[in-house]
Amino acid sequence: MEKIKQLAKEFTPVKEFPSFKAGDTVTVHYRITEGNKERIQQFQGVVIQRKGTGPSATFTVRKMSNNVGVERIFPIGSPFIEQIDVNKVGAVRRARIFYLRERRGKSARIKEKRQLVTKK
């Protein structure tokens, strides 16, 4: 089992992304191929969970689209992810915030963690 993990680490190059966790609002720039054309699609939503470690890790992003909740699971090691932008850092106490699925409106809001900005 250890050899499999070592081989996976060697052969799957993992891009460097900013650190994010559950509760953060992120924008995932994902490359989509339609026929012979390629384009970058942005998927912006709240991270509701991170799962796994290393190149096989995944994260789930949830957004509301026309009052319908849409969730998408992204593998961290995917070559189709161009970049990940962290828009807001959320203040949540759990690692998996599935309770957002039942919430609507104001109760579905996540408080933003205040960041201390230092001037140079």
Protein backbone atom coordinates (compact mmCIF):
# COMPACT_ATOMS: atom_id res chain seq x y z
CA MET A 1 0.00 0.00 0.00
CA GLU A 2 2.87 2.36 0.79
CA LYS A 3 4.40 1.73 -2.65
CA ILE A 4 1.14 2.69 -4.35
CA LYS A 5 1.04 5.99 -2.49
CA GLN A 6 4.66 6.66 -3.35
CA LEU A 7 4.06 5.99 -7.07
CA ALA A 8 0.98 8.18 -7.07
CA LYS A 9 2.99 11.00 -5.49
CA GLU A 10 5.72 10.69 -8.12
CA PHE A 11 3.53 10.51 -11.22
CA THR A 12 0.74 12.96 -10.44
CA PRO A 13 1.99 16.54 -10.36
CA VAL A 14 -0.05 18.56 -7.90
CA LYS A 15 -0.40 22.28 -8.62
CA GLU A 16 0.03 24.75 -5.81
CA PHE A 17 -3.31 26.23 -4.79
CA PRO A 18 -4.07 28.68 -1.97
CA SER A 19 -5.08 27.07 1.30
CA PHE A 20 -8.82 26.94 1.85
CA LYS A 21 -11.20 25.01 4.08
CA ALA A 22 -14.90 24.40 4.60
CA GLY A 23 -16.87 27.62 4.82
CA ASP A 24 -14.66 29.57 2.42
CA THR A 25 -16.15 31.06 -0.73
CA VAL A 26 -13.99 30.13 -3.70
CA THR A 27 -13.98 30.52 -7.47
CA VAL A 28 -12.72 27.47 -9.35
CA HIS A 29 -11.52 28.13 -12.90
CA TYR A 30 -12.16 24.83 -14.68
CA ARG A 31 -11.10 23.98 -18.25
CA ILE A 32 -13.93 22.51 -20.34
CA THR A 33 -13.50 20.92 -23.77
CA GLU A 34 -16.49 21.06 -26.11
CA GLY A 35 -15.71 19.34 -29.38
CA ASN A 36 -12.43 20.87 -30.51
CA LYS A 37 -12.81 24.10 -28.51
CA GLU A 38 -11.59 24.75 -24.98
CA ARG A 39 -12.85 27.36 -22.57
CA ILE A 40 -12.49 28.23 -18.91
CA GLN A 41 -15.64 28.03 -16.81
CA GLN A 42 -15.82 29.66 -13.39
CA PHE A 43 -17.70 27.91 -10.60
CA GLN A 44 -18.15 30.14 -7.55
CA GLY A 45 -19.60 28.86 -4.31
CA VAL A 46 -19.02 27.78 -0.73
CA VAL A 47 -16.71 24.88 0.07
CA ILE A 48 -18.80 22.45 2.13
CA GLN A 49 -16.15 19.78 2.61
CA ARG A 50 -12.59 18.69 1.89
CA LYS A 51 -11.92 14.99 1.71
CA GLY A 52 -8.75 12.90 1.45
CA THR A 53 -5.08 13.77 1.29
CA GLY A 54 -2.46 14.17 -1.39
CA PRO A 55 -3.24 14.07 -5.10
CA SER A 56 -6.45 12.07 -4.56
CA ALA A 57 -8.00 14.72 -2.31
CA THR A 58 -11.30 16.28 -3.33
CA PHE A 59 -13.38 19.26 -2.31
CA THR A 60 -17.08 19.97 -2.78
CA VAL A 61 -18.35 23.41 -3.78
CA ARG A 62 -22.02 24.40 -3.44
CA LYS A 63 -23.72 27.33 -5.11
CA MET A 64 -27.28 28.47 -5.62
CA SER A 65 -28.40 28.75 -9.24
CA ASN A 66 -31.96 29.98 -9.85
CA ASN A 67 -33.01 28.91 -6.31
CA VAL A 68 -31.64 25.41 -6.91
CA GLY A 69 -28.62 24.17 -5.00
CA VAL A 70 -25.84 22.90 -7.25
CA GLU A 71 -22.91 20.95 -5.84
CA ARG A 72 -19.80 19.93 -7.70
CA ILE A 73 -16.93 17.75 -6.55
CA PHE A 74 -13.47 18.77 -7.75
CA PRO A 75 -10.38 16.55 -7.45
CA ILE A 76 -7.36 18.56 -6.26
CA GLY A 77 -5.05 16.68 -8.64
CA SER A 78 -7.19 17.36 -11.70
CA PRO A 79 -5.26 18.77 -14.67
CA PHE A 80 -8.42 20.66 -15.71
CA ILE A 81 -8.34 23.06 -12.74
CA GLU A 82 -6.53 26.19 -13.89
CA GLN A 83 -6.68 28.13 -10.65
CA ILE A 84 -8.61 28.54 -7.42
CA ASP A 85 -9.35 31.98 -5.99
CA VAL A 86 -10.38 32.37 -2.34
CA ASN A 87 -12.95 35.18 -2.27
CA LYS A 88 -14.01 35.07 1.40
CA VAL A 89 -12.74 33.20 4.42
CA GLY A 90 -15.68 31.85 6.38
CA ALA A 91 -15.87 31.43 10.15
CA VAL A 92 -17.37 27.97 10.69
CA ARG A 93 -16.81 25.45 13.47
CA ARG A 94 -17.20 22.26 11.45
CA ALA A 95 -15.11 20.54 8.81
CA ARG A 96 -18.19 19.47 6.82
CA ILE A 97 -21.06 21.90 6.66
CA PHE A 98 -23.81 19.78 5.14
CA TYR A 99 -26.41 21.67 7.18
CA LEU A 100 -26.31 24.35 4.46
CA ARG A 101 -28.31 22.02 2.21
CA GLU A 102 -31.47 22.51 4.30
CA ARG A 103 -30.99 26.25 4.81
CA ARG A 104 -32.33 29.05 2.62
CA GLY A 105 -31.98 32.82 2.71
CA LYS A 106 -30.47 34.54 5.74
CA SER A 107 -29.96 31.35 7.72
CA ALA A 108 -27.68 30.04 4.96
CA ARG A 109 -25.22 32.89 5.36
CA ILE A 110 -21.75 32.25 6.72
CA LYS A 111 -19.96 34.86 8.80
CA GLU A 112 -16.77 36.17 7.31
CA LYS A 113 -13.58 35.79 9.29
CA ARG A 114 -11.90 39.13 9.79
CA GLN A 115 -8.32 39.26 8.55
CA LEU A 116 -5.70 41.54 10.00
CA VAL A 117 -4.07 43.55 7.22
CA THR A 118 -0.55 44.80 7.86
CA LYS A 119 0.74 47.82 5.99
CA LYS A 120 4.28 47.91 4.67
